[in-house]
């Protein structure tokens, strides 16, 4: 984006900061436009795994995505695989209620991969899996994420897969480090 901005400023001989700002905005918009078919999970039987560090908005993003997909006529099920954080299941349950979708959950402290396994019989168009926030540098938590990923691969071989990482834009370069570390545990698609 910066290289594109520099090139356009030079080519167009832009001196006005407001015009430069508009070129920047247009460039960002162009990069963010993924077209109508950005994600296949909107059109196929799918499993969407949502990962990221603590407090970045995974559960909230899941709730909003579930509502959007439900509005598009999809049968959406949420899997509460964040079994460690106090009130995580209740928070996802609230989002499921708001969106009018079903929730698969177990009791707090249970095996997160077991929740994903339990959701297999749900027959959803889109199964969205909420996971516990985890620091990308904690080996045992990343191993748990790999286990969840293996369960999805094994139990949902016919389903289209998406793994979405939620990043806090204010973390700067650390977001790139997080994305690389998460990519090792579960191949990120978006």
N, C-alpha and C. Protein backbone atom coordinates (compact mmCIF):
# COMPACT_ATOMS: atom_id res chain seq x y z
N UNK A 1 0.83 -1.20 0.00
CA UNK A 1 0.00 0.00 0.00
C UNK A 1 0.87 1.25 0.00
N UNK A 2 1.90 1.24 0.84
CA UNK A 2 2.79 2.41 0.92
C UNK A 2 3.54 2.59 -0.39
N UNK A 3 4.04 1.48 -0.94
CA UNK A 3 4.76 1.57 -2.22
C UNK A 3 3.84 2.08 -3.33
N UNK A 4 2.62 1.61 -3.34
CA UNK A 4 1.63 2.06 -4.32
C UNK A 4 1.35 3.56 -4.14
N UNK A 5 1.20 3.98 -2.91
CA UNK A 5 0.96 5.40 -2.61
C UNK A 5 2.14 6.25 -3.07
N UNK A 6 3.34 5.83 -2.76
CA UNK A 6 4.53 6.59 -3.17
C UNK A 6 4.60 6.71 -4.70
N UNK A 7 4.33 5.60 -5.37
CA UNK A 7 4.38 5.60 -6.83
C UNK A 7 3.33 6.56 -7.40
N UNK A 8 2.10 6.50 -6.89
CA UNK A 8 1.02 7.35 -7.41
C UNK A 8 1.27 8.83 -7.12
N UNK A 9 1.79 9.12 -5.93
CA UNK A 9 2.11 10.51 -5.58
C UNK A 9 3.16 11.07 -6.55
N UNK A 10 4.15 10.24 -6.85
CA UNK A 10 5.21 10.67 -7.76
C UNK A 10 4.67 10.82 -9.18
N UNK A 11 3.93 9.82 -9.66
CA UNK A 11 3.40 9.84 -11.03
C UNK A 11 2.42 10.99 -11.25
N UNK A 12 1.57 11.25 -10.24
CA UNK A 12 0.52 12.26 -10.38
C UNK A 12 0.96 13.62 -9.85
N UNK A 13 2.20 13.72 -9.39
CA UNK A 13 2.76 14.97 -8.85
C UNK A 13 1.84 15.57 -7.78
N UNK A 14 1.43 14.74 -6.84
CA UNK A 14 0.51 15.18 -5.79
C UNK A 14 1.29 15.92 -4.70
N UNK A 15 0.80 17.09 -4.36
CA UNK A 15 1.42 17.90 -3.31
C UNK A 15 0.44 18.15 -2.16
N UNK A 16 -0.83 18.10 -2.45
CA UNK A 16 -1.88 18.40 -1.47
C UNK A 16 -2.10 17.19 -0.55
N UNK A 17 -1.95 17.36 0.78
CA UNK A 17 -2.13 16.25 1.72
C UNK A 17 -3.52 15.61 1.63
N UNK A 18 -4.55 16.40 1.39
CA UNK A 18 -5.90 15.86 1.29
C UNK A 18 -6.02 14.92 0.08
N UNK A 19 -5.40 15.31 -1.01
CA UNK A 19 -5.43 14.47 -2.22
C UNK A 19 -4.62 13.19 -1.98
N UNK A 20 -3.50 13.33 -1.29
CA UNK A 20 -2.66 12.17 -0.95
C UNK A 20 -3.45 11.21 -0.05
N UNK A 21 -4.16 11.77 0.90
CA UNK A 21 -4.98 10.95 1.80
C UNK A 21 -6.03 10.18 1.01
N UNK A 22 -6.67 10.84 0.05
CA UNK A 22 -7.70 10.17 -0.75
C UNK A 22 -7.10 9.04 -1.59
N UNK A 23 -5.90 9.26 -2.13
CA UNK A 23 -5.22 8.20 -2.89
C UNK A 23 -4.95 7.00 -1.97
N UNK A 24 -4.54 7.29 -0.73
CA UNK A 24 -4.30 6.23 0.25
C UNK A 24 -5.59 5.46 0.55
N UNK A 25 -6.67 6.17 0.80
CA UNK A 25 -7.97 5.54 1.08
C UNK A 25 -8.41 4.66 -0.09
N UNK A 26 -8.29 5.18 -1.29
CA UNK A 26 -8.67 4.41 -2.48
C UNK A 26 -7.82 3.15 -2.63
N UNK A 27 -6.54 3.27 -2.34
CA UNK A 27 -5.63 2.13 -2.43
C UNK A 27 -6.00 1.05 -1.41
N UNK A 28 -6.29 1.45 -0.20
CA UNK A 28 -6.70 0.49 0.84
C UNK A 28 -8.01 -0.18 0.46
N UNK A 29 -8.97 0.59 -0.02
CA UNK A 29 -10.25 0.01 -0.45
C UNK A 29 -10.06 -1.03 -1.55
N UNK A 30 -9.19 -0.71 -2.48
CA UNK A 30 -8.92 -1.63 -3.59
C UNK A 30 -8.32 -2.93 -3.07
N UNK A 31 -7.37 -2.84 -2.13
CA UNK A 31 -6.74 -4.03 -1.56
C UNK A 31 -7.74 -4.86 -0.75
N UNK A 32 -8.69 -4.22 -0.10
CA UNK A 32 -9.64 -4.93 0.75
C UNK A 32 -10.80 -5.53 -0.02
N UNK A 33 -11.02 -5.12 -1.24
CA UNK A 33 -12.14 -5.64 -2.03
C UNK A 33 -11.80 -7.03 -2.54
N UNK A 34 -12.46 -8.02 -1.97
CA UNK A 34 -12.20 -9.40 -2.34
C UNK A 34 -13.20 -9.91 -3.37
N UNK A 35 -14.08 -9.06 -3.80
CA UNK A 35 -15.07 -9.48 -4.78
C UNK A 35 -16.26 -10.16 -4.13
N UNK A 36 -17.21 -10.55 -4.96
CA UNK A 36 -18.44 -11.15 -4.44
C UNK A 36 -18.23 -12.51 -3.80
N UNK A 37 -17.32 -13.29 -4.32
CA UNK A 37 -17.10 -14.65 -3.83
C UNK A 37 -15.82 -14.76 -3.02
N UNK A 38 -15.67 -13.88 -2.05
CA UNK A 38 -14.44 -13.87 -1.27
C UNK A 38 -14.26 -15.15 -0.49
N UNK A 39 -15.32 -15.66 0.07
CA UNK A 39 -15.24 -16.86 0.88
C UNK A 39 -16.23 -17.89 0.39
N UNK A 40 -15.74 -19.08 0.12
CA UNK A 40 -16.58 -20.19 -0.35
C UNK A 40 -17.54 -20.68 0.73
N UNK A 41 -17.18 -20.50 2.01
CA UNK A 41 -18.03 -21.05 3.07
C UNK A 41 -19.44 -20.46 3.04
N UNK A 42 -19.60 -19.35 2.38
CA UNK A 42 -20.93 -18.75 2.26
C UNK A 42 -21.81 -19.53 1.29
N UNK A 43 -21.20 -20.40 0.48
CA UNK A 43 -21.93 -21.07 -0.59
C UNK A 43 -21.88 -22.59 -0.49
N UNK A 44 -21.14 -23.15 0.47
CA UNK A 44 -20.97 -24.60 0.57
C UNK A 44 -21.09 -25.06 2.01
N UNK A 45 -21.31 -26.36 2.21
CA UNK A 45 -21.29 -26.92 3.55
C UNK A 45 -19.88 -26.73 4.09
N UNK A 46 -19.76 -26.04 5.22
CA UNK A 46 -18.45 -25.57 5.65
C UNK A 46 -18.24 -25.65 7.15
N UNK A 47 -16.97 -25.70 7.52
CA UNK A 47 -16.54 -25.55 8.90
C UNK A 47 -15.60 -24.36 8.94
N UNK A 48 -15.89 -23.41 9.81
CA UNK A 48 -15.07 -22.21 9.96
C UNK A 48 -14.47 -22.23 11.36
N UNK A 49 -13.16 -22.31 11.44
CA UNK A 49 -12.44 -22.28 12.70
C UNK A 49 -11.94 -20.86 12.91
N UNK A 50 -12.26 -20.27 14.06
CA UNK A 50 -11.86 -18.89 14.34
C UNK A 50 -10.83 -18.91 15.47
N UNK A 51 -9.66 -18.34 15.19
CA UNK A 51 -8.55 -18.37 16.13
C UNK A 51 -7.98 -16.98 16.34
N UNK A 52 -7.18 -16.83 17.39
CA UNK A 52 -6.52 -15.55 17.68
C UNK A 52 -6.14 -15.47 19.14
N UNK A 53 -5.45 -14.41 19.49
CA UNK A 53 -5.03 -14.23 20.89
C UNK A 53 -6.21 -13.72 21.72
N UNK A 54 -6.00 -13.63 23.01
CA UNK A 54 -7.04 -13.22 23.94
C UNK A 54 -7.53 -11.80 23.67
N UNK A 55 -8.83 -11.62 23.68
CA UNK A 55 -9.41 -10.29 23.67
C UNK A 55 -9.44 -9.55 22.35
N UNK A 56 -9.27 -10.24 21.23
CA UNK A 56 -9.24 -9.54 19.93
C UNK A 56 -10.62 -9.43 19.28
N UNK A 57 -11.60 -10.14 19.82
CA UNK A 57 -12.96 -10.04 19.27
C UNK A 57 -13.41 -11.26 18.48
N UNK A 58 -12.85 -12.41 18.77
CA UNK A 58 -13.24 -13.63 18.06
C UNK A 58 -14.72 -13.94 18.24
N UNK A 59 -15.17 -13.97 19.48
CA UNK A 59 -16.55 -14.35 19.77
C UNK A 59 -17.53 -13.34 19.20
N UNK A 60 -17.23 -12.08 19.32
CA UNK A 60 -18.09 -11.04 18.76
C UNK A 60 -18.15 -11.16 17.24
N UNK A 61 -17.00 -11.39 16.62
CA UNK A 61 -16.97 -11.56 15.15
C UNK A 61 -17.80 -12.77 14.74
N UNK A 62 -17.71 -13.85 15.51
CA UNK A 62 -18.49 -15.05 15.22
C UNK A 62 -19.99 -14.75 15.31
N UNK A 63 -20.39 -14.04 16.33
CA UNK A 63 -21.79 -13.70 16.48
C UNK A 63 -22.32 -12.89 15.31
N UNK A 64 -21.55 -11.93 14.87
CA UNK A 64 -21.96 -11.10 13.74
C UNK A 64 -21.98 -11.89 12.44
N UNK A 65 -20.99 -12.77 12.25
CA UNK A 65 -20.95 -13.61 11.07
C UNK A 65 -22.13 -14.58 11.06
N UNK A 66 -22.44 -15.16 12.21
CA UNK A 66 -23.57 -16.09 12.32
C UNK A 66 -24.88 -15.38 11.95
N UNK A 67 -25.04 -14.18 12.43
CA UNK A 67 -26.25 -13.41 12.12
C UNK A 67 -26.36 -13.13 10.63
N UNK A 68 -25.25 -12.76 10.01
CA UNK A 68 -25.24 -12.48 8.57
C UNK A 68 -25.58 -13.73 7.77
N UNK A 69 -24.95 -14.86 8.12
CA UNK A 69 -25.20 -16.11 7.40
C UNK A 69 -26.64 -16.59 7.60
N UNK A 70 -27.15 -16.45 8.81
CA UNK A 70 -28.54 -16.83 9.11
C UNK A 70 -29.49 -15.97 8.27
N UNK A 71 -29.20 -14.69 8.16
CA UNK A 71 -30.02 -13.78 7.34
C UNK A 71 -30.00 -14.18 5.87
N UNK A 72 -28.91 -14.84 5.45
CA UNK A 72 -28.79 -15.32 4.07
C UNK A 72 -29.45 -16.67 3.88
N UNK A 73 -30.13 -17.17 4.93
CA UNK A 73 -30.87 -18.42 4.83
C UNK A 73 -30.06 -19.67 5.13
N UNK A 74 -28.89 -19.53 5.73
CA UNK A 74 -28.04 -20.68 6.06
C UNK A 74 -28.42 -21.23 7.43
N UNK A 75 -28.27 -22.56 7.58
CA UNK A 75 -28.41 -23.18 8.90
C UNK A 75 -27.04 -23.13 9.55
N UNK A 76 -26.92 -22.31 10.56
CA UNK A 76 -25.64 -22.05 11.22
C UNK A 76 -25.65 -22.66 12.62
N UNK A 77 -24.56 -23.32 12.96
CA UNK A 77 -24.37 -23.86 14.31
C UNK A 77 -23.07 -23.27 14.84
N UNK A 78 -23.09 -22.85 16.09
CA UNK A 78 -21.88 -22.36 16.75
C UNK A 78 -21.37 -23.44 17.69
N UNK A 79 -20.07 -23.70 17.65
CA UNK A 79 -19.44 -24.67 18.55
C UNK A 79 -18.59 -23.91 19.56
N UNK A 80 -18.92 -24.07 20.84
CA UNK A 80 -18.24 -23.35 21.91
C UNK A 80 -16.99 -24.11 22.35
N UNK A 81 -15.93 -24.02 21.56
CA UNK A 81 -14.68 -24.71 21.87
C UNK A 81 -13.76 -23.86 22.75
N UNK A 82 -14.25 -22.72 23.22
CA UNK A 82 -13.52 -21.96 24.24
C UNK A 82 -14.09 -22.43 25.57
N UNK A 83 -13.47 -23.45 26.12
CA UNK A 83 -14.00 -24.05 27.35
C UNK A 83 -13.22 -23.62 28.59
N UNK A 84 -12.28 -22.70 28.42
CA UNK A 84 -11.43 -22.30 29.54
C UNK A 84 -11.79 -20.95 30.14
N UNK A 85 -12.09 -19.98 29.29
CA UNK A 85 -12.36 -18.63 29.79
C UNK A 85 -13.69 -18.60 30.53
N UNK A 86 -13.67 -18.02 31.69
CA UNK A 86 -14.90 -17.88 32.47
C UNK A 86 -15.93 -17.13 31.65
N UNK A 87 -17.11 -17.65 31.57
CA UNK A 87 -18.26 -17.06 30.88
C UNK A 87 -18.15 -17.08 29.35
N UNK A 88 -17.16 -17.77 28.80
CA UNK A 88 -17.03 -17.83 27.33
C UNK A 88 -18.23 -18.50 26.69
N UNK A 89 -18.67 -19.60 27.28
CA UNK A 89 -19.82 -20.33 26.73
C UNK A 89 -21.07 -19.46 26.82
N UNK A 90 -21.23 -18.77 27.93
CA UNK A 90 -22.39 -17.89 28.10
C UNK A 90 -22.37 -16.75 27.08
N UNK A 91 -21.19 -16.20 26.82
CA UNK A 91 -21.08 -15.12 25.84
C UNK A 91 -21.46 -15.61 24.45
N UNK A 92 -20.95 -16.78 24.06
CA UNK A 92 -21.29 -17.33 22.75
C UNK A 92 -22.77 -17.70 22.69
N UNK A 93 -23.31 -18.18 23.81
CA UNK A 93 -24.73 -18.52 23.88
C UNK A 93 -25.60 -17.28 23.63
N UNK A 94 -25.18 -16.16 24.19
CA UNK A 94 -25.90 -14.90 23.97
C UNK A 94 -25.87 -14.51 22.50
N UNK A 95 -24.70 -14.65 21.86
CA UNK A 95 -24.61 -14.34 20.43
C UNK A 95 -25.46 -15.30 19.61
N UNK A 96 -25.49 -16.58 19.99
CA UNK A 96 -26.31 -17.57 19.29
C UNK A 96 -27.79 -17.18 19.40
N UNK A 97 -28.21 -16.77 20.59
CA UNK A 97 -29.60 -16.34 20.78
C UNK A 97 -29.93 -15.12 19.93
N UNK A 98 -29.04 -14.15 19.92
CA UNK A 98 -29.26 -12.93 19.13
C UNK A 98 -29.39 -13.24 17.64
N UNK A 99 -28.56 -14.17 17.16
CA UNK A 99 -28.57 -14.52 15.74
C UNK A 99 -29.65 -15.54 15.41
N UNK A 100 -30.21 -16.18 16.43
CA UNK A 100 -31.22 -17.20 16.19
C UNK A 100 -30.64 -18.48 15.62
N UNK A 101 -29.45 -18.86 16.11
CA UNK A 101 -28.79 -20.08 15.65
C UNK A 101 -28.56 -21.01 16.84
N UNK A 102 -28.27 -22.27 16.55
CA UNK A 102 -28.05 -23.25 17.60
C UNK A 102 -26.61 -23.20 18.10
N UNK A 103 -26.43 -23.74 19.31
CA UNK A 103 -25.12 -23.77 19.96
C UNK A 103 -24.84 -25.18 20.43
N UNK A 104 -23.61 -25.65 20.16
CA UNK A 104 -23.12 -26.91 20.70
C UNK A 104 -22.08 -26.55 21.75
N UNK A 105 -22.26 -27.05 22.98
CA UNK A 105 -21.34 -26.71 24.06
C UNK A 105 -21.24 -27.86 25.04
N UNK A 106 -20.19 -27.86 25.80
CA UNK A 106 -20.03 -28.76 26.94
C UNK A 106 -19.78 -27.89 28.16
N UNK A 107 -19.50 -28.53 29.27
CA UNK A 107 -19.27 -27.74 30.48
C UNK A 107 -17.89 -27.09 30.44
N UNK A 108 -17.76 -26.04 31.21
CA UNK A 108 -16.49 -25.31 31.29
C UNK A 108 -15.39 -26.26 31.73
N UNK A 109 -14.23 -26.16 31.09
CA UNK A 109 -13.08 -26.99 31.43
C UNK A 109 -13.00 -28.28 30.64
N UNK A 110 -13.99 -28.57 29.82
CA UNK A 110 -13.95 -29.80 29.03
C UNK A 110 -12.99 -29.66 27.85
N UNK A 111 -12.76 -30.77 27.16
CA UNK A 111 -11.84 -30.80 26.03
C UNK A 111 -12.44 -30.03 24.85
N UNK A 112 -11.80 -28.96 24.38
CA UNK A 112 -12.34 -28.18 23.26
C UNK A 112 -12.54 -29.00 21.99
N UNK A 113 -11.63 -29.94 21.73
CA UNK A 113 -11.75 -30.77 20.54
C UNK A 113 -13.00 -31.66 20.62
N UNK A 114 -13.40 -32.04 21.83
CA UNK A 114 -14.60 -32.86 22.00
C UNK A 114 -15.86 -32.09 21.60
N UNK A 115 -15.85 -30.80 21.83
CA UNK A 115 -16.99 -29.97 21.43
C UNK A 115 -17.13 -29.98 19.91
N UNK A 116 -16.00 -29.86 19.22
CA UNK A 116 -16.01 -29.89 17.76
C UNK A 116 -16.50 -31.26 17.28
N UNK A 117 -16.05 -32.32 17.94
CA UNK A 117 -16.47 -33.67 17.59
C UNK A 117 -17.99 -33.81 17.79
N UNK A 118 -18.51 -33.30 18.90
CA UNK A 118 -19.95 -33.39 19.19
C UNK A 118 -20.80 -32.68 18.15
N UNK A 119 -20.26 -31.66 17.53
CA UNK A 119 -21.02 -30.87 16.56
C UNK A 119 -21.20 -31.60 15.24
N UNK A 120 -20.52 -32.73 15.06
CA UNK A 120 -20.55 -33.43 13.78
C UNK A 120 -21.97 -33.79 13.35
N UNK A 121 -22.81 -34.20 14.27
CA UNK A 121 -24.16 -34.63 13.94
C UNK A 121 -25.13 -33.47 13.74
N UNK A 122 -24.65 -32.25 13.82
CA UNK A 122 -25.54 -31.08 13.77
C UNK A 122 -26.13 -30.80 12.39
N UNK A 123 -25.49 -31.29 11.33
CA UNK A 123 -25.98 -31.08 9.96
C UNK A 123 -26.18 -29.61 9.62
N UNK A 124 -25.22 -28.79 9.98
CA UNK A 124 -25.29 -27.36 9.68
C UNK A 124 -24.78 -27.09 8.27
N UNK A 125 -25.27 -26.01 7.68
CA UNK A 125 -24.67 -25.52 6.44
C UNK A 125 -23.28 -24.96 6.76
N UNK A 126 -23.21 -24.22 7.87
CA UNK A 126 -21.95 -23.63 8.31
C UNK A 126 -21.80 -23.87 9.81
N UNK A 127 -20.74 -24.56 10.18
CA UNK A 127 -20.38 -24.75 11.59
C UNK A 127 -19.26 -23.77 11.88
N UNK A 128 -19.49 -22.88 12.84
CA UNK A 128 -18.47 -21.89 13.22
C UNK A 128 -17.95 -22.26 14.60
N UNK A 129 -16.64 -22.48 14.68
CA UNK A 129 -16.01 -22.95 15.91
C UNK A 129 -15.28 -21.81 16.61
N UNK A 130 -15.76 -21.47 17.80
CA UNK A 130 -15.10 -20.46 18.62
C UNK A 130 -14.02 -21.16 19.43
N UNK A 131 -12.83 -20.60 19.47
CA UNK A 131 -11.74 -21.19 20.24
C UNK A 131 -11.27 -20.23 21.31
N UNK A 132 -10.59 -20.78 22.30
CA UNK A 132 -10.05 -19.95 23.37
C UNK A 132 -8.96 -19.06 22.81
N UNK A 133 -8.91 -17.85 23.31
CA UNK A 133 -7.80 -16.97 22.96
C UNK A 133 -6.53 -17.59 23.51
N UNK A 134 -5.49 -17.54 22.74
CA UNK A 134 -4.24 -18.15 23.17
C UNK A 134 -3.09 -17.30 22.70
N UNK A 135 -2.12 -17.15 23.56
CA UNK A 135 -0.92 -16.45 23.15
C UNK A 135 -0.19 -17.34 22.16
N UNK A 136 0.24 -16.75 21.07
CA UNK A 136 0.85 -17.50 19.98
C UNK A 136 2.18 -18.13 20.36
N UNK A 137 2.75 -17.72 21.50
CA UNK A 137 4.05 -18.27 21.91
C UNK A 137 3.92 -19.31 23.02
N UNK A 138 2.72 -19.78 23.30
CA UNK A 138 2.49 -20.81 24.32
C UNK A 138 2.32 -22.16 23.64
N UNK A 139 3.36 -22.98 23.72
CA UNK A 139 3.41 -24.24 22.98
C UNK A 139 2.23 -25.17 23.28
N UNK A 140 1.89 -25.35 24.55
CA UNK A 140 0.80 -26.28 24.88
C UNK A 140 -0.54 -25.83 24.31
N UNK A 141 -0.79 -24.53 24.30
CA UNK A 141 -2.04 -24.03 23.74
C UNK A 141 -2.06 -24.17 22.23
N UNK A 142 -0.93 -23.96 21.60
CA UNK A 142 -0.85 -24.13 20.15
C UNK A 142 -0.99 -25.60 19.77
N UNK A 143 -0.49 -26.50 20.62
CA UNK A 143 -0.67 -27.94 20.37
C UNK A 143 -2.15 -28.31 20.47
N UNK A 144 -2.86 -27.70 21.40
CA UNK A 144 -4.30 -27.93 21.53
C UNK A 144 -5.02 -27.48 20.26
N UNK A 145 -4.60 -26.36 19.71
CA UNK A 145 -5.19 -25.86 18.47
C UNK A 145 -4.92 -26.83 17.32
N UNK A 146 -3.73 -27.41 17.29
CA UNK A 146 -3.43 -28.42 16.27
C UNK A 146 -4.35 -29.62 16.42
N UNK A 147 -4.65 -30.00 17.66
CA UNK A 147 -5.56 -31.13 17.91
C UNK A 147 -6.97 -30.81 17.38
N UNK A 148 -7.44 -29.62 17.66
CA UNK A 148 -8.76 -29.19 17.15
C UNK A 148 -8.76 -29.26 15.62
N UNK A 149 -7.70 -28.78 15.02
CA UNK A 149 -7.58 -28.79 13.57
C UNK A 149 -7.61 -30.23 13.02
N UNK A 150 -6.91 -31.14 13.70
CA UNK A 150 -6.91 -32.55 13.28
C UNK A 150 -8.31 -33.16 13.38
N UNK A 151 -9.04 -32.84 14.44
CA UNK A 151 -10.41 -33.35 14.61
C UNK A 151 -11.29 -32.87 13.47
N UNK A 152 -11.17 -31.60 13.11
CA UNK A 152 -11.96 -31.06 12.00
C UNK A 152 -11.60 -31.79 10.70
N UNK A 153 -10.31 -31.96 10.45
CA UNK A 153 -9.88 -32.66 9.24
C UNK A 153 -10.44 -34.09 9.19
N UNK A 154 -10.41 -34.77 10.33
CA UNK A 154 -10.84 -36.17 10.39
C UNK A 154 -12.36 -36.31 10.33
N UNK A 155 -13.06 -35.50 11.08
CA UNK A 155 -14.51 -35.67 11.24
C UNK A 155 -15.34 -34.94 10.19
N UNK A 156 -14.75 -33.99 9.49
CA UNK A 156 -15.49 -33.22 8.49
C UNK A 156 -14.74 -33.23 7.15
N UNK A 157 -14.39 -34.40 6.64
CA UNK A 157 -13.57 -34.42 5.41
C UNK A 157 -14.29 -33.85 4.19
N UNK A 158 -15.62 -33.92 4.18
CA UNK A 158 -16.38 -33.44 3.04
C UNK A 158 -16.65 -31.93 3.09
N UNK A 159 -16.45 -31.33 4.24
CA UNK A 159 -16.78 -29.92 4.41
C UNK A 159 -15.68 -29.02 3.87
N UNK A 160 -16.10 -27.90 3.33
CA UNK A 160 -15.16 -26.85 2.93
C UNK A 160 -14.62 -26.24 4.21
N UNK A 161 -13.33 -25.94 4.28
CA UNK A 161 -12.70 -25.43 5.49
C UNK A 161 -12.23 -24.01 5.33
N UNK A 162 -12.47 -23.23 6.35
CA UNK A 162 -11.87 -21.90 6.48
C UNK A 162 -11.30 -21.81 7.88
N UNK A 163 -10.14 -21.23 8.01
CA UNK A 163 -9.56 -20.90 9.31
C UNK A 163 -9.29 -19.41 9.29
N UNK A 164 -10.05 -18.70 10.11
CA UNK A 164 -9.95 -17.24 10.15
C UNK A 164 -9.23 -16.81 11.42
N UNK A 165 -8.20 -16.01 11.27
CA UNK A 165 -7.51 -15.47 12.43
C UNK A 165 -8.00 -14.04 12.64
N UNK A 166 -8.34 -13.73 13.88
CA UNK A 166 -8.77 -12.38 14.24
C UNK A 166 -7.58 -11.70 14.90
N UNK A 167 -7.20 -10.56 14.34
CA UNK A 167 -6.05 -9.81 14.83
C UNK A 167 -6.50 -8.43 15.27
N UNK A 168 -5.87 -7.92 16.31
CA UNK A 168 -6.11 -6.56 16.77
C UNK A 168 -5.21 -5.64 15.97
N UNK A 169 -5.81 -4.76 15.18
CA UNK A 169 -5.05 -3.88 14.31
C UNK A 169 -4.09 -2.96 15.04
N UNK A 170 -4.29 -2.76 16.34
CA UNK A 170 -3.42 -1.84 17.08
C UNK A 170 -2.13 -2.50 17.54
N UNK A 171 -1.97 -3.80 17.28
CA UNK A 171 -0.76 -4.48 17.76
C UNK A 171 0.42 -4.31 16.82
N UNK A 172 0.21 -3.72 15.66
CA UNK A 172 1.31 -3.43 14.75
C UNK A 172 1.99 -4.68 14.23
N UNK A 173 3.32 -4.66 14.22
CA UNK A 173 4.09 -5.78 13.66
C UNK A 173 3.87 -7.08 14.41
N UNK A 174 3.46 -7.03 15.67
CA UNK A 174 3.19 -8.25 16.42
C UNK A 174 2.05 -9.05 15.78
N UNK A 175 1.16 -8.39 15.08
CA UNK A 175 0.07 -9.10 14.40
C UNK A 175 0.63 -10.05 13.34
N UNK A 176 1.70 -9.65 12.67
CA UNK A 176 2.34 -10.53 11.68
C UNK A 176 2.97 -11.74 12.35
N UNK A 177 3.58 -11.53 13.50
CA UNK A 177 4.18 -12.63 14.26
C UNK A 177 3.07 -13.60 14.68
N UNK A 178 1.96 -13.04 15.18
CA UNK A 178 0.83 -13.89 15.58
C UNK A 178 0.33 -14.71 14.41
N UNK A 179 0.14 -14.08 13.27
CA UNK A 179 -0.37 -14.78 12.10
C UNK A 179 0.56 -15.91 11.69
N UNK A 180 1.86 -15.67 11.71
CA UNK A 180 2.83 -16.73 11.34
C UNK A 180 2.76 -17.90 12.31
N UNK A 181 2.67 -17.61 13.60
CA UNK A 181 2.63 -18.67 14.60
C UNK A 181 1.34 -19.47 14.50
N UNK A 182 0.21 -18.79 14.31
CA UNK A 182 -1.06 -19.49 14.16
C UNK A 182 -1.08 -20.33 12.90
N UNK A 183 -0.43 -19.85 11.86
CA UNK A 183 -0.38 -20.58 10.58
C UNK A 183 0.28 -21.95 10.76
N UNK A 184 1.22 -22.04 11.70
CA UNK A 184 1.87 -23.33 11.95
C UNK A 184 0.93 -24.33 12.60
N UNK A 185 -0.04 -23.85 13.38
CA UNK A 185 -0.98 -24.74 14.07
C UNK A 185 -2.18 -25.08 13.23
N UNK A 186 -2.68 -24.13 12.46
CA UNK A 186 -3.88 -24.34 11.65
C UNK A 186 -3.77 -23.41 10.44
N UNK A 187 -3.62 -23.98 9.24
CA UNK A 187 -3.43 -23.14 8.05
C UNK A 187 -4.52 -22.08 7.90
N UNK A 188 -4.13 -20.84 8.00
CA UNK A 188 -5.05 -19.71 7.96
C UNK A 188 -5.49 -19.45 6.52
N UNK A 189 -6.78 -19.21 6.34
CA UNK A 189 -7.30 -18.89 5.01
C UNK A 189 -7.83 -17.47 4.93
N UNK A 190 -7.97 -16.82 6.08
CA UNK A 190 -8.51 -15.47 6.02
C UNK A 190 -8.40 -14.77 7.35
